C-alpha atoms as a PDB file:
ATOM      1  CA  MET A   1     -22.526  -6.677  -6.158  1.00  0.00           C
ATOM      2  CA  ARG A   2     -22.720 -10.245  -6.712  1.00  0.00           C
ATOM      3  CA  TRP A   3     -22.927 -11.166  -2.857  1.00  0.00           C
ATOM      4  CA  LEU A   4     -26.053  -8.699  -2.684  1.00  0.00           C
ATOM      5  CA  TRP A   5     -27.798 -10.443  -5.700  1.00  0.00           C
ATOM      6  CA  LEU A   6     -27.054 -13.779  -3.981  1.00  0.00           C
ATOM      7  CA  THR A   7     -28.462 -12.480  -0.649  1.00  0.00           C
ATOM      8  CA  GLY A   8     -31.721 -11.510  -2.427  1.00  0.00           C
ATOM      9  CA  THR A   9     -31.874 -14.384  -4.294  1.00  0.00           C
ATOM     10  CA  VAL A  10     -31.893 -16.572  -1.063  1.00  0.00           C
ATOM     11  CA  LEU A  11     -33.990 -14.057   0.833  1.00  0.00           C
ATOM     12  CA  ALA A  12     -36.573 -14.314  -1.945  1.00  0.00           C
ATOM     13  CA  PHE A  13     -36.860 -17.989  -2.240  1.00  0.00           C
ATOM     14  CA  VAL A  14     -37.024 -18.529   1.862  1.00  0.00           C
ATOM     15  CA  LEU A  15     -40.181 -15.731   1.474  1.00  0.00           C
ATOM     16  CA  CYS A  16     -41.538 -17.657  -1.306  1.00  0.00           C
ATOM     17  CA  PHE A  17     -41.771 -21.109   0.958  1.00  0.00           C
ATOM     18  CA  THR A  18     -42.812 -19.526   4.028  1.00  0.00           C
ATOM     19  CA  ARG A  19     -45.876 -17.547   2.325  1.00  0.00           C
ATOM     20  CA  HIS A  20     -49.344 -18.993   2.538  1.00  0.00           C
ATOM     21  CA  GLY A  21     -51.138 -17.057  -0.008  1.00  0.00           C
ATOM     22  CA  GLY A  22     -50.696 -18.233  -3.861  1.00  0.00           C
ATOM     23  CA  GLY A  23     -50.146 -14.508  -4.828  1.00  0.00           C
ATOM     24  CA  ALA A  24     -47.318 -13.956  -2.815  1.00  0.00           C
ATOM     25  CA  MET A  25     -45.774 -17.098  -3.446  1.00  0.00           C
ATOM     26  CA  ALA A  26     -45.932 -16.342  -6.864  1.00  0.00           C
ATOM     27  CA  ILE A  27     -44.447 -12.878  -6.809  1.00  0.00           C
ATOM     28  CA  TRP A  28     -41.467 -14.151  -4.314  1.00  0.00           C
ATOM     29  CA  LEU A  29     -40.889 -17.253  -6.717  1.00  0.00           C
ATOM     30  CA  LEU A  30     -40.527 -14.756  -9.834  1.00  0.00           C
ATOM     31  CA  LEU A  31     -38.339 -12.544  -7.981  1.00  0.00           C
ATOM     32  CA  GLY A  32     -36.132 -15.634  -6.648  1.00  0.00           C
ATOM     33  CA  LEU A  33     -35.816 -16.774 -10.196  1.00  0.00           C
ATOM     34  CA  VAL A  34     -35.022 -13.408 -11.749  1.00  0.00           C
ATOM     35  CA  GLY A  35     -32.413 -13.282  -8.929  1.00  0.00           C
ATOM     36  CA  LEU A  36     -31.082 -16.847  -9.797  1.00  0.00           C
ATOM     37  CA  LEU A  37     -30.449 -15.402 -13.205  1.00  0.00           C
ATOM     38  CA  GLY A  38     -28.931 -12.166 -12.194  1.00  0.00           C
ATOM     39  CA  THR A  39     -26.331 -14.052  -9.643  1.00  0.00           C
ATOM     40  CA  GLY A  40     -25.170 -16.579 -12.227  1.00  0.00           C
ATOM     41  CA  LEU A  41     -24.549 -13.721 -14.722  1.00  0.00           C
ATOM     42  CA  ALA A  42     -22.713 -11.711 -11.805  1.00  0.00           C
ATOM     43  CA  PHE A  43     -20.660 -14.793 -10.897  1.00  0.00           C
ATOM     44  CA  ALA A  44     -19.795 -15.625 -14.533  1.00  0.00           C
ATOM     45  CA  GLN A  45     -18.993 -11.673 -15.278  1.00  0.00           C
ATOM     46  CA  THR A  46     -16.378 -11.710 -12.630  1.00  0.00           C
ATOM     47  CA  ARG A  47     -15.203 -15.199 -13.361  1.00  0.00           C
ATOM     48  CA  ILE A  48     -14.725 -14.052 -17.006  1.00  0.00           C
ATOM     49  CA  SER A  49     -13.105 -10.747 -16.138  1.00  0.00           C
ATOM     50  CA  SER A  50     -10.637 -12.101 -13.699  1.00  0.00           C
ATOM     51  CA  SER A  51      -8.869 -14.136 -16.358  1.00  0.00           C
ATOM     52  CA  ALA A  52      -9.343 -11.679 -19.416  1.00  0.00           C
ATOM     53  CA  ARG A  53      -6.784  -9.559 -20.961  1.00  0.00           C
ATOM     54  CA  ALA A  54      -6.557  -5.918 -20.802  1.00  0.00           C
ATOM     55  CA  GLU A  55      -9.104  -4.002 -22.901  1.00  0.00           C
ATOM     56  CA  SER A  56      -6.416  -2.215 -25.507  1.00  0.00           C
ATOM     57  CA  LEU A  57      -3.060  -2.724 -26.423  1.00  0.00           C
ATOM     58  CA  SER A  58      -0.692  -0.022 -27.593  1.00  0.00           C
ATOM     59  CA  SER A  59       0.653  -0.219 -31.247  1.00  0.00           C
ATOM     60  CA  TYR A  60       3.851  -1.053 -30.229  1.00  0.00           C
ATOM     61  CA  ASP A  61       2.577  -4.240 -28.372  1.00  0.00           C
ATOM     62  CA  LEU A  62       0.164  -5.181 -31.335  1.00  0.00           C
ATOM     63  CA  GLN A  63       3.330  -5.054 -33.574  1.00  0.00           C
ATOM     64  CA  ARG A  64       5.013  -7.166 -30.842  1.00  0.00           C
ATOM     65  CA  LEU A  65       2.287  -9.845 -30.891  1.00  0.00           C
ATOM     66  CA  ARG A  66       2.375  -9.686 -34.685  1.00  0.00           C
ATOM     67  CA  GLU A  67       6.179 -11.189 -34.541  1.00  0.00           C
ATOM     68  CA  GLY A  68       5.257 -13.729 -32.300  1.00  0.00           C
ATOM     69  CA  LYS A  69       6.604 -12.041 -29.173  1.00  0.00           C
ATOM     70  CA  PRO A  70       4.881 -11.249 -26.088  1.00  0.00           C
ATOM     71  CA  PRO A  71       3.963  -7.657 -25.306  1.00  0.00           C
ATOM     72  CA  LEU A  72       5.877  -5.575 -23.072  1.00  0.00           C
ATOM     73  CA  GLY A  73       5.050  -5.513 -19.504  1.00  0.00           C
ATOM     74  CA  HIS A  74       2.694  -8.089 -19.493  1.00  0.00           C
ATOM     75  CA  ASP A  75       3.042 -11.765 -18.262  1.00  0.00           C
END
């Protein structure tokens, strides 16, 4: 999905700078800026989720963490 955001953003900026009318240029520039924000957030979300831990741990794994031991089955 992040690659679609990036492609759409680049396309919006290309269309923005090839338009001759002010209104069309403003619309494509606005869409490009929104796409830039969306692309940045999509890449950040992918980067964060790649290094994040699992969403939940069992009660046994939580007890092991409190004791200073690593949870079972996790590196």
